[in-house]
Every structure is written in C-alpha cells, then in structure tokens.
Amino acid sequence: VKYSWGAQHPERFTFKVDGNDVFGTASFLRVRRGILDGTIRGNTIQFRTQTEEIVGDQTRTVTHRYRGGVSDDVIDFFMQTEGASSSDPVEFTATRARPTPGGR
C-alpha cells in the first residue's frame, strides 16, 4: 500500500466470513488491527479499524474505513482515514496469498 504521505508498506489482511459478517485483522503500517463492523454483501466488503495517533502531548483515536470490491482472488480497496493528520483517501489492490508447501 502506498500512502498519501509517500510511505509504502506491505499490508496483510485475514478474513473469516460468517454469513454477511466479516471478522479478522487488517494491518496498517504493518501492525495488525482487529476488524470492526465488517460486512460482505454480494461482492462488496466493508469494515473499519482503529488506531491511536500521538501528536505532541495529545493522543487521538483514528478510524480507517475500508470498502472493497471482491473479484476472484483480488480485492480493489478504497480506504478513508478519519481523525488523523493525513486524511487523503488511499486506493490499493489486495491479492490472496497462496499457501506455501507444508501450510506455512
């Protein structure tokens, strides 16, 4: 994922789907965050994660909202951040990782 301020990081997503509910983790700056309010309807997946951002002597809660279109082994994501110093939207594509021999 290439972020609006120029940083680029490999991010990982793990999903568990139960009906229309989505659980799991989504990394942000390579740190895994729990998925909140995850849903999947048709080929659209939506969820949010939260982080804490420290600016000077203040800590603020930052929400990252994800929306993606699922197609085979690819999800085209749009992520919008609220409450952070940078709120520019980010678009990226996530691709299903193939298991390695031996299940690792």
PDB file of N, CA and C in Angstrom:
ATOM      1  N   VAL A   1       0.858  -1.177   0.000  1.00  0.00           N
ATOM      2  CA  VAL A   1       0.000   0.000   0.000  1.00  0.00           C
ATOM      3  C   VAL A   1       0.896   1.229   0.000  1.00  0.00           C
ATOM      4  N   LYS A   2       0.636   2.130  -0.942  1.00  0.00           N
ATOM      5  CA  LYS A   2       1.357   3.404  -0.964  1.00  0.00           C
ATOM      6  C   LYS A   2       0.437   4.450  -0.356  1.00  0.00           C
ATOM      7  N   TYR A   3       0.876   5.033   0.760  1.00  0.00           N
ATOM      8  CA  TYR A   3       0.070   6.007   1.488  1.00  0.00           C
ATOM      9  C   TYR A   3       0.272   7.407   0.924  1.00  0.00           C
ATOM     10  N   SER A   4      -0.673   8.292   1.222  1.00  0.00           N
ATOM     11  CA  SER A   4      -0.682   9.632   0.637  1.00  0.00           C
ATOM     12  C   SER A   4       0.549  10.460   1.000  1.00  0.00           C
ATOM     13  N   TRP A   5       1.191  10.155   2.121  1.00  0.00           N
ATOM     14  CA  TRP A   5       2.379  10.923   2.521  1.00  0.00           C
ATOM     15  C   TRP A   5       3.661  10.324   1.953  1.00  0.00           C
ATOM     16  N   GLY A   6       3.539   9.273   1.085  1.00  0.00           N
ATOM     17  CA  GLY A   6       4.686   8.723   0.381  1.00  0.00           C
ATOM     18  C   GLY A   6       5.212   7.411   0.925  1.00  0.00           C
ATOM     19  N   ALA A   7       4.880   7.052   2.151  1.00  0.00           N
ATOM     20  CA  ALA A   7       5.333   5.775   2.714  1.00  0.00           C
ATOM     21  C   ALA A   7       4.668   4.629   1.970  1.00  0.00           C
ATOM     22  N   GLN A   8       5.389   3.521   1.841  1.00  0.00           N
ATOM     23  CA  GLN A   8       4.838   2.341   1.188  1.00  0.00           C
ATOM     24  C   GLN A   8       5.146   1.134   2.064  1.00  0.00           C
ATOM     25  N   HIS A   9       4.109   0.329   2.392  1.00  0.00           N
ATOM     26  CA  HIS A   9       4.274  -0.828   3.273  1.00  0.00           C
ATOM     27  C   HIS A   9       3.477  -2.014   2.748  1.00  0.00           C
ATOM     28  N   PRO A  10       4.037  -3.225   2.898  1.00  0.00           N
ATOM     29  CA  PRO A  10       3.234  -4.411   2.586  1.00  0.00           C
ATOM     30  C   PRO A  10       2.239  -4.628   3.723  1.00  0.00           C
ATOM     31  N   GLU A  11       0.977  -4.675   3.414  1.00  0.00           N
ATOM     32  CA  GLU A  11      -0.061  -4.860   4.437  1.00  0.00           C
ATOM     33  C   GLU A  11      -0.694  -6.229   4.268  1.00  0.00           C
ATOM     34  N   ARG A  12      -1.156  -6.805   5.392  1.00  0.00           N
ATOM     35  CA  ARG A  12      -1.757  -8.139   5.380  1.00  0.00           C
ATOM     36  C   ARG A  12      -3.171  -8.076   5.933  1.00  0.00           C
ATOM     37  N   PHE A  13      -4.046  -8.860   5.317  1.00  0.00           N
ATOM     38  CA  PHE A  13      -5.431  -8.946   5.732  1.00  0.00           C
ATOM     39  C   PHE A  13      -5.779 -10.415   5.946  1.00  0.00           C
ATOM     40  N   THR A  14      -6.482 -10.703   7.032  1.00  0.00           N
ATOM     41  CA  THR A  14      -7.014 -12.042   7.254  1.00  0.00           C
ATOM     42  C   THR A  14      -8.512 -11.894   7.483  1.00  0.00           C
ATOM     43  N   PHE A  15      -9.280 -12.730   6.811  1.00  0.00           N
ATOM     44  CA  PHE A  15     -10.731 -12.626   6.896  1.00  0.00           C
ATOM     45  C   PHE A  15     -11.348 -13.955   7.292  1.00  0.00           C
ATOM     46  N   LYS A  16     -12.346 -13.885   8.133  1.00  0.00           N
ATOM     47  CA  LYS A  16     -13.222 -15.009   8.465  1.00  0.00           C
ATOM     48  C   LYS A  16     -14.627 -14.499   8.209  1.00  0.00           C
ATOM     49  N   VAL A  17     -15.343 -15.175   7.309  1.00  0.00           N
ATOM     50  CA  VAL A  17     -16.690 -14.750   6.937  1.00  0.00           C
ATOM     51  C   VAL A  17     -17.700 -15.701   7.563  1.00  0.00           C
ATOM     52  N   ASP A  18     -18.699 -15.123   8.221  1.00  0.00           N
ATOM     53  CA  ASP A  18     -19.795 -15.880   8.822  1.00  0.00           C
ATOM     54  C   ASP A  18     -21.088 -15.232   8.345  1.00  0.00           C
ATOM     55  N   GLY A  19     -21.720 -15.827   7.330  1.00  0.00           N
ATOM     56  CA  GLY A  19     -22.897 -15.196   6.727  1.00  0.00           C
ATOM     57  C   GLY A  19     -22.485 -13.906   6.048  1.00  0.00           C
ATOM     58  N   ASN A  20     -23.048 -12.773   6.492  1.00  0.00           N
ATOM     59  CA  ASN A  20     -22.667 -11.458   5.964  1.00  0.00           C
ATOM     60  C   ASN A  20     -21.656 -10.738   6.851  1.00  0.00           C
ATOM     61  N   ASP A  21     -21.261 -11.367   7.973  1.00  0.00           N
ATOM     62  CA  ASP A  21     -20.320 -10.741   8.902  1.00  0.00           C
ATOM     63  C   ASP A  21     -18.886 -11.110   8.554  1.00  0.00           C
ATOM     64  N   VAL A  22     -17.984 -10.136   8.701  1.00  0.00           N
ATOM     65  CA  VAL A  22     -16.570 -10.352   8.429  1.00  0.00           C
ATOM     66  C   VAL A  22     -15.779 -10.048   9.694  1.00  0.00           C
ATOM     67  N   PHE A  23     -14.911 -10.979  10.066  1.00  0.00           N
ATOM     68  CA  PHE A  23     -14.024 -10.832  11.220  1.00  0.00           C
ATOM     69  C   PHE A  23     -12.594 -11.004  10.739  1.00  0.00           C
ATOM     70  N   GLY A  24     -11.627 -10.640  11.569  1.00  0.00           N
ATOM     71  CA  GLY A  24     -10.233 -10.854  11.215  1.00  0.00           C
ATOM     72  C   GLY A  24      -9.377  -9.660  11.563  1.00  0.00           C
ATOM     73  N   THR A  25      -8.310  -9.484  10.769  1.00  0.00           N
ATOM     74  CA  THR A  25      -7.375  -8.384  11.009  1.00  0.00           C
ATOM     75  C   THR A  25      -7.001  -7.708   9.694  1.00  0.00           C
ATOM     76  N   ALA A  26      -6.628  -6.450   9.812  1.00  0.00           N
ATOM     77  CA  ALA A  26      -6.113  -5.667   8.690  1.00  0.00           C
ATOM     78  C   ALA A  26      -4.926  -4.876   9.230  1.00  0.00           C
ATOM     79  N   SER A  27      -3.789  -5.007   8.586  1.00  0.00           N
ATOM     80  CA  SER A  27      -2.641  -4.258   9.095  1.00  0.00           C
ATOM     81  C   SER A  27      -2.655  -2.831   8.564  1.00  0.00           C
ATOM     82  N   PHE A  28      -2.106  -1.938   9.370  1.00  0.00           N
ATOM     83  CA  PHE A  28      -1.920  -0.533   8.990  1.00  0.00           C
ATOM     84  C   PHE A  28      -0.521  -0.181   9.441  1.00  0.00           C
ATOM     85  N   LEU A  29       0.325   0.225   8.520  1.00  0.00           N
ATOM     86  CA  LEU A  29       1.743   0.466   8.777  1.00  0.00           C
ATOM     87  C   LEU A  29       2.378  -0.792   9.379  1.00  0.00           C
ATOM     88  N   ARG A  30       1.994  -1.939   8.842  1.00  0.00           N
ATOM     89  CA  ARG A  30       2.489  -3.283   9.164  1.00  0.00           C
ATOM     90  C   ARG A  30       2.129  -3.770  10.564  1.00  0.00           C
ATOM     91  N   VAL A  31       1.209  -3.118  11.249  1.00  0.00           N
ATOM     92  CA  VAL A  31       0.739  -3.565  12.561  1.00  0.00           C
ATOM     93  C   VAL A  31      -0.695  -4.051  12.402  1.00  0.00           C
ATOM     94  N   ARG A  32      -0.968  -5.295  12.836  1.00  0.00           N
ATOM     95  CA  ARG A  32      -2.310  -5.855  12.694  1.00  0.00           C
ATOM     96  C   ARG A  32      -3.297  -5.149  13.617  1.00  0.00           C
ATOM     97  N   ARG A  33      -4.479  -4.874  13.054  1.00  0.00           N
ATOM     98  CA  ARG A  33      -5.577  -4.246  13.796  1.00  0.00           C
ATOM     99  C   ARG A  33      -6.811  -5.125  13.634  1.00  0.00           C
ATOM    100  N   GLY A  34      -7.608  -5.244  14.679  1.00  0.00           N
ATOM    101  CA  GLY A  34      -8.838  -6.020  14.595  1.00  0.00           C
ATOM    102  C   GLY A  34      -9.867  -5.337  13.711  1.00  0.00           C
ATOM    103  N   ILE A  35     -10.566  -6.140  12.916  1.00  0.00           N
ATOM    104  CA  ILE A  35     -11.635  -5.632  12.056  1.00  0.00           C
ATOM    105  C   ILE A  35     -12.872  -5.372  12.906  1.00  0.00           C
ATOM    106  N   LEU A  36     -13.474  -4.203  12.727  1.00  0.00           N
ATOM    107  CA  LEU A  36     -14.698  -3.812  13.423  1.00  0.00           C
ATOM    108  C   LEU A  36     -15.802  -3.589  12.402  1.00  0.00           C
ATOM    109  N   ASP A  37     -17.024  -3.989  12.749  1.00  0.00           N
ATOM    110  CA  ASP A  37     -18.204  -3.745  11.899  1.00  0.00           C
ATOM    111  C   ASP A  37     -18.027  -4.263  10.472  1.00  0.00           C
ATOM    112  N   GLY A  38     -17.395  -5.415  10.327  1.00  0.00           N
ATOM    113  CA  GLY A  38     -17.160  -5.965   8.997  1.00  0.00           C
ATOM    114  C   GLY A  38     -18.391  -6.614   8.404  1.00  0.00           C
ATOM    115  N   THR A  39     -18.649  -6.313   7.135  1.00  0.00           N
ATOM    116  CA  THR A  39     -19.763  -6.934   6.415  1.00  0.00           C
ATOM    117  C   THR A  39     -19.337  -7.252   4.984  1.00  0.00           C
ATOM    118  N   ILE A  40     -20.021  -8.248   4.419  1.00  0.00           N
ATOM    119  CA  ILE A  40     -19.853  -8.530   2.997  1.00  0.00           C
ATOM    120  C   ILE A  40     -21.242  -8.758   2.425  1.00  0.00           C
ATOM    121  N   ARG A  41     -21.511  -8.056   1.338  1.00  0.00           N
ATOM    122  CA  ARG A  41     -22.796  -8.174   0.645  1.00  0.00           C
ATOM    123  C   ARG A  41     -22.482  -8.230  -0.844  1.00  0.00           C
ATOM    124  N   GLY A  42     -22.856  -9.349  -1.448  1.00  0.00           N
ATOM    125  CA  GLY A  42     -22.506  -9.532  -2.858  1.00  0.00           C
ATOM    126  C   GLY A  42     -20.995  -9.554  -2.990  1.00  0.00           C
ATOM    127  N   ASN A  43     -20.465  -8.683  -3.825  1.00  0.00           N
ATOM    128  CA  ASN A  43     -19.007  -8.628  -3.994  1.00  0.00           C
ATOM    129  C   ASN A  43     -18.391  -7.406  -3.304  1.00  0.00           C
ATOM    130  N   THR A  44     -19.107  -6.812  -2.338  1.00  0.00           N
ATOM    131  CA  THR A  44     -18.591  -5.637  -1.625  1.00  0.00           C
ATOM    132  C   THR A  44     -18.286  -5.986  -0.172  1.00  0.00           C
ATOM    133  N   ILE A  45     -17.067  -5.720   0.255  1.00  0.00           N
ATOM    134  CA  ILE A  45     -16.647  -5.915   1.638  1.00  0.00           C
ATOM    135  C   ILE A  45     -16.408  -4.542   2.260  1.00  0.00           C
ATOM    136  N   GLN A  46     -16.853  -4.361   3.505  1.00  0.00           N
ATOM    137  CA  GLN A  46     -16.655  -3.098   4.229  1.00  0.00           C
ATOM    138  C   GLN A  46     -16.276  -3.415   5.671  1.00  0.00           C
ATOM    139  N   PHE A  47     -15.398  -2.609   6.229  1.00  0.00           N
ATOM    140  CA  PHE A  47     -15.054  -2.726   7.644  1.00  0.00           C
ATOM    141  C   PHE A  47     -14.269  -1.492   8.056  1.00  0.00           C
ATOM    142  N   ARG A  48     -13.995  -1.413   9.351  1.00  0.00           N
ATOM    143  CA  ARG A  48     -13.160  -0.325   9.856  1.00  0.00           C
ATOM    144  C   ARG A  48     -12.173  -0.890  10.861  1.00  0.00           C
ATOM    145  N   THR A  49     -11.100  -0.156  11.079  1.00  0.00           N
ATOM    146  CA  THR A  49     -10.150  -0.448  12.140  1.00  0.00           C
ATOM    147  C   THR A  49      -9.880   0.862  12.879  1.00  0.00           C
ATOM    148  N   GLN A  50      -9.310   0.754  14.056  1.00  0.00           N
ATOM    149  CA  GLN A  50      -8.954   1.955  14.819  1.00  0.00           C
ATOM    150  C   GLN A  50      -7.520   1.866  15.299  1.00  0.00           C
ATOM    151  N   THR A  51      -6.866   3.021  15.334  1.00  0.00           N
ATOM    152  CA  THR A  51      -5.521   3.149  15.868  1.00  0.00           C
ATOM    153  C   THR A  51      -5.474   4.390  16.751  1.00  0.00           C
ATOM    154  N   GLU A  52      -4.394   4.528  17.443  1.00  0.00           N
ATOM    155  CA  GLU A  52      -4.152   5.734  18.246  1.00  0.00           C
ATOM    156  C   GLU A  52      -3.004   6.494  17.603  1.00  0.00           C
ATOM    157  N   GLU A  53      -3.156   7.798  17.477  1.00  0.00           N
ATOM    158  CA  GLU A  53      -2.105   8.659  16.931  1.00  0.00           C
ATOM    159  C   GLU A  53      -1.707   9.659  17.998  1.00  0.00           C
ATOM    160  N   ILE A  54      -0.400   9.757  18.232  1.00  0.00           N
ATOM    161  CA  ILE A  54       0.112  10.701  19.233  1.00  0.00           C
ATOM    162  C   ILE A  54       0.671  11.910  18.498  1.00  0.00           C
ATOM    163  N   VAL A  55       0.140  13.077  18.840  1.00  0.00           N
ATOM    164  CA  VAL A  55       0.603  14.337  18.268  1.00  0.00           C
ATOM    165  C   VAL A  55       0.938  15.247  19.438  1.00  0.00           C
ATOM    166  N   GLY A  56       2.231  15.506  19.605  1.00  0.00           N
ATOM    167  CA  GLY A  56       2.652  16.307  20.756  1.00  0.00           C
ATOM    168  C   GLY A  56       2.314  15.575  22.037  1.00  0.00           C
ATOM    169  N   ASP A  57       1.543  16.209  22.916  1.00  0.00           N
ATOM    170  CA  ASP A  57       1.146  15.567  24.168  1.00  0.00           C
ATOM    171  C   ASP A  57      -0.281  15.039  24.121  1.00  0.00           C
ATOM    172  N   GLN A  58      -0.868  14.982  22.921  1.00  0.00           N
ATOM    173  CA  GLN A  58      -2.245  14.506  22.776  1.00  0.00           C
ATOM    174  C   GLN A  58      -2.288  13.168  22.045  1.00  0.00           C
ATOM    175  N   THR A  59      -3.218  12.315  22.474  1.00  0.00           N
ATOM    176  CA  THR A  59      -3.484  11.053  21.793  1.00  0.00           C
ATOM    177  C   THR A  59      -4.890  11.122  21.235  1.00  0.00           C
ATOM    178  N   ARG A  60      -5.032  10.761  19.968  1.00  0.00           N
ATOM    179  CA  ARG A  60      -6.365  10.783  19.374  1.00  0.00           C
ATOM    180  C   ARG A  60      -6.652   9.451  18.689  1.00  0.00           C
ATOM    181  N   THR A  61      -7.928   9.102  18.689  1.00  0.00           N
ATOM    182  CA  THR A  61      -8.371   7.886  18.025  1.00  0.00           C
ATOM    183  C   THR A  61      -8.536   8.156  16.537  1.00  0.00           C
ATOM    184  N   VAL A  62      -7.981   7.267  15.738  1.00  0.00           N
ATOM    185  CA  VAL A  62      -8.033   7.384  14.290  1.00  0.00           C
ATOM    186  C   VAL A  62      -8.808   6.183  13.748  1.00  0.00           C
ATOM    187  N   THR A  63      -9.769   6.443  12.890  1.00  0.00           N
ATOM    188  CA  THR A  63     -10.572   5.385  12.284  1.00  0.00           C
ATOM    189  C   THR A  63     -10.208   5.258  10.811  1.00  0.00           C
ATOM    190  N   HIS A  64      -9.987   4.023  10.387  1.00  0.00           N
ATOM    191  CA  HIS A  64      -9.696   3.717   8.985  1.00  0.00           C
ATOM    192  C   HIS A  64     -10.887   2.930   8.442  1.00  0.00           C
ATOM    193  N   ARG A  65     -11.570   3.470   7.440  1.00  0.00           N
ATOM    194  CA  ARG A  65     -12.736   2.813   6.842  1.00  0.00           C
ATOM    195  C   ARG A  65     -12.328   2.235   5.485  1.00  0.00           C
ATOM    196  N   TYR A  66     -12.573   0.937   5.342  1.00  0.00           N
ATOM    197  CA  TYR A  66     -12.228   0.212   4.129  1.00  0.00           C
ATOM    198  C   TYR A  66     -13.490  -0.200   3.385  1.00  0.00           C
ATOM    199  N   ARG A  67     -13.434  -0.112   2.061  1.00  0.00           N
ATOM    200  CA  ARG A  67     -14.512  -0.616   1.207  1.00  0.00           C
ATOM    201  C   ARG A  67     -13.824  -1.229  -0.007  1.00  0.00           C
ATOM    202  N   GLY A  68     -14.228  -2.447  -0.346  1.00  0.00           N
ATOM    203  CA  GLY A  68     -13.559  -3.110  -1.453  1.00  0.00           C
ATOM    204  C   GLY A  68     -14.494  -3.920  -2.311  1.00  0.00           C
ATOM    205  N   GLY A  69     -14.112  -4.059  -3.551  1.00  0.00           N
ATOM    206  CA  GLY A  69     -14.828  -4.907  -4.497  1.00  0.00           C
ATOM    207  C   GLY A  69     -14.061  -6.205  -4.679  1.00  0.00           C
ATOM    208  N   VAL A  70     -14.714  -7.326  -4.349  1.00  0.00           N
ATOM    209  CA  VAL A  70     -14.082  -8.642  -4.405  1.00  0.00           C
ATOM    210  C   VAL A  70     -14.302  -9.256  -5.779  1.00  0.00           C
ATOM    211  N   SER A  71     -13.232  -9.769  -6.359  1.00  0.00           N
ATOM    212  CA  SER A  71     -13.304 -10.454  -7.647  1.00  0.00           C
ATOM    213  C   SER A  71     -12.257 -11.562  -7.648  1.00  0.00           C
ATOM    214  N   ASP A  72     -12.729 -12.811  -7.584  1.00  0.00           N
ATOM    215  CA  ASP A  72     -11.838 -13.969  -7.523  1.00  0.00           C
ATOM    216  C   ASP A  72     -10.862 -13.818  -6.350  1.00  0.00           C
ATOM    217  N   ASP A  73      -9.568 -13.737  -6.620  1.00  0.00           N
ATOM    218  CA  ASP A  73      -8.545 -13.656  -5.565  1.00  0.00           C
ATOM    219  C   ASP A  73      -8.028 -12.244  -5.343  1.00  0.00           C
ATOM    220  N   VAL A  74      -8.813 -11.227  -5.748  1.00  0.00           N
ATOM    221  CA  VAL A  74      -8.381  -9.832  -5.676  1.00  0.00           C
ATOM    222  C   VAL A  74      -9.464  -8.989  -5.009  1.00  0.00           C
ATOM    223  N   ILE A  75      -9.033  -8.027  -4.193  1.00  0.00           N
ATOM    224  CA  ILE A  75      -9.950  -7.028  -3.641  1.00  0.00           C
ATOM    225  C   ILE A  75      -9.383  -5.659  -3.989  1.00  0.00           C
ATOM    226  N   ASP A  76     -10.159  -4.861  -4.712  1.00  0.00           N
ATOM    227  CA  ASP A  76      -9.769  -3.477  -5.006  1.00  0.00           C
ATOM    228  C   ASP A  76     -10.326  -2.615  -3.884  1.00  0.00           C
ATOM    229  N   PHE A  77      -9.429  -2.093  -3.040  1.00  0.00           N
ATOM    230  CA  PHE A  77      -9.812  -1.353  -1.846  1.00  0.00           C
ATOM    231  C   PHE A  77      -9.742   0.153  -2.035  1.00  0.00           C
ATOM    232  N   PHE A  78     -10.591   0.820  -1.272  1.00  0.00           N
ATOM    233  CA  PHE A  78     -10.573   2.267  -1.070  1.00  0.00           C
ATOM    234  C   PHE A  78     -10.576   2.446   0.448  1.00  0.00           C
ATOM    235  N   MET A  79      -9.597   3.159   0.997  1.00  0.00           N
ATOM    236  CA  MET A  79      -9.523   3.378   2.435  1.00  0.00           C
ATOM    237  C   MET A  79      -9.546   4.876   2.732  1.00  0.00           C
ATOM    238  N   GLN A  80     -10.412   5.274   3.643  1.00  0.00           N
ATOM    239  CA  GLN A  80     -10.511   6.666   4.077  1.00  0.00           C
ATOM    240  C   GLN A  80     -10.214   6.720   5.568  1.00  0.00           C
ATOM    241  N   THR A  81      -9.353   7.634   5.970  1.00  0.00           N
ATOM    242  CA  THR A  81      -8.969   7.781   7.375  1.00  0.00           C
ATOM    243  C   THR A  81      -9.625   9.019   7.947  1.00  0.00           C
ATOM    244  N   GLU A  82     -10.133   8.880   9.192  1.00  0.00           N
ATOM    245  CA  GLU A  82     -10.763   9.998   9.894  1.00  0.00           C
ATOM    246  C   GLU A  82     -10.040  10.245  11.208  1.00  0.00           C
ATOM    247  N   GLY A  83      -9.789  11.515  11.520  1.00  0.00           N
ATOM    248  CA  GLY A  83      -9.195  11.884  12.797  1.00  0.00           C
ATOM    249  C   GLY A  83      -7.688  11.902  12.826  1.00  0.00           C
ATOM    250  N   ALA A  84      -7.038  11.729  11.683  1.00  0.00           N
ATOM    251  CA  ALA A  84      -5.570  11.694  11.622  1.00  0.00           C
ATOM    252  C   ALA A  84      -5.030  12.972  11.014  1.00  0.00           C
ATOM    253  N   SER A  85      -3.715  13.118  11.096  1.00  0.00           N
ATOM    254  CA  SER A  85      -3.086  14.282  10.490  1.00  0.00           C
ATOM    255  C   SER A  85      -3.173  14.222   8.974  1.00  0.00           C
ATOM    256  N   SER A  86      -3.288  13.022   8.394  1.00  0.00           N
ATOM    257  CA  SER A  86      -3.490  12.860   6.954  1.00  0.00           C
ATOM    258  C   SER A  86      -4.800  12.116   6.732  1.00  0.00           C
ATOM    259  N   SER A  87      -5.690  12.685   5.930  1.00  0.00           N
ATOM    260  CA  SER A  87      -6.979  12.041   5.686  1.00  0.00           C
ATOM    261  C   SER A  87      -7.229  11.795   4.200  1.00  0.00           C
ATOM    262  N   ASP A  88      -6.173  11.893   3.391  1.00  0.00           N
ATOM    263  CA  ASP A  88      -6.335  11.634   1.962  1.00  0.00           C
ATOM    264  C   ASP A  88      -6.708  10.180   1.741  1.00  0.00           C
ATOM    265  N   PRO A  89      -7.673   9.905   0.864  1.00  0.00           N
ATOM    266  CA  PRO A  89      -8.051   8.521   0.590  1.00  0.00           C
ATOM    267  C   PRO A  89      -6.920   7.764  -0.105  1.00  0.00           C
ATOM    268  N   VAL A  90      -6.902   6.460   0.117  1.00  0.00           N
ATOM    269  CA  VAL A  90      -5.879   5.600  -0.468  1.00  0.00           C
ATOM    270  C   VAL A  90      -6.588   4.485  -1.224  1.00  0.00           C
ATOM    271  N   GLU A  91      -6.138   4.222  -2.438  1.00  0.00           N
ATOM    272  CA  GLU A  91      -6.665   3.111  -3.220  1.00  0.00           C
ATOM    273  C   GLU A  91      -5.545   2.113  -3.441  1.00  0.00           C
ATOM    274  N   PHE A  92      -5.868   0.818  -3.278  1.00  0.00           N
ATOM    275  CA  PHE A  92      -4.871  -0.231  -3.473  1.00  0.00           C
ATOM    276  C   PHE A  92      -5.579  -1.543  -3.769  1.00  0.00           C
ATOM    277  N   THR A  93      -4.820  -2.517  -4.240  1.00  0.00           N
ATOM    278  CA  THR A  93      -5.346  -3.836  -4.552  1.00  0.00           C
ATOM    279  C   THR A  93      -4.691  -4.865  -3.654  1.00  0.00           C
ATOM    280  N   ALA A  94      -5.515  -5.704  -3.030  1.00  0.00           N
ATOM    281  CA  ALA A  94      -5.020  -6.808  -2.209  1.00  0.00           C
ATOM    282  C   ALA A  94      -5.205  -8.101  -3.006  1.00  0.00           C
ATOM    283  N   THR A  95      -4.201  -8.954  -2.958  1.00  0.00           N
ATOM    284  CA  THR A  95      -4.223 -10.221  -3.678  1.00  0.00           C
ATOM    285  C   THR A  95      -4.090 -11.369  -2.691  1.00  0.00           C
ATOM    286  N   ARG A  96      -4.908 -12.423  -2.870  1.00  0.00           N
ATOM    287  CA  ARG A  96      -4.863 -13.578  -1.977  1.00  0.00           C
ATOM    288  C   ARG A  96      -3.480 -14.214  -2.019  1.00  0.00           C
ATOM    289  N   ALA A  97      -2.917 -14.429  -0.855  1.00  0.00           N
ATOM    290  CA  ALA A  97      -1.623 -15.107  -0.752  1.00  0.00           C
ATOM    291  C   ALA A  97      -1.833 -16.605  -0.939  1.00  0.00           C
ATOM    292  N   ARG A  98      -0.963 -17.222  -1.653  1.00  0.00           N
ATOM    293  CA  ARG A  98      -1.017 -18.663  -1.866  1.00  0.00           C
ATOM    294  C   ARG A  98      -0.265 -19.358  -0.732  1.00  0.00           C
ATOM    295  N   PRO A  99      -0.866 -20.413  -0.145  1.00  0.00           N
ATOM    296  CA  PRO A  99      -0.155 -21.132   0.918  1.00  0.00           C
ATOM    297  C   PRO A  99       1.126 -21.750   0.397  1.00  0.00           C
ATOM    298  N   THR A 100       2.121 -21.780   1.238  1.00  0.00           N
ATOM    299  CA  THR A 100       3.385 -22.400   0.870  1.00  0.00           C
ATOM    300  C   THR A 100       3.303 -23.893   1.163  1.00  0.00           C
ATOM    301  N   PRO A 101       4.124 -24.686   0.527  1.00  0.00           N
ATOM    302  CA  PRO A 101       4.103 -26.120   0.809  1.00  0.00           C
ATOM    303  C   PRO A 101       4.317 -26.377   2.313  1.00  0.00           C
ATOM    304  N   GLY A 102       3.569 -27.275   2.865  1.00  0.00           N
ATOM    305  CA  GLY A 102       3.650 -27.554   4.296  1.00  0.00           C
ATOM    306  C   GLY A 102       2.718 -26.689   5.117  1.00  0.00           C
ATOM    307  N   GLY A 103       1.922 -25.797   4.472  1.00  0.00           N
ATOM    308  CA  GLY A 103       0.937 -24.970   5.178  1.00  0.00           C
ATOM    309  C   GLY A 103       1.497 -23.781   5.900  1.00  0.00           C
ATOM    310  N   ARG A 104       2.680 -23.320   5.537  1.00  0.00           N
ATOM    311  CA  ARG A 104       3.261 -22.169   6.229  1.00  0.00           C
ATOM    312  C   ARG A 104       3.197 -20.939   5.385  1.00  0.00           C
TER     313      ARG A 104
END
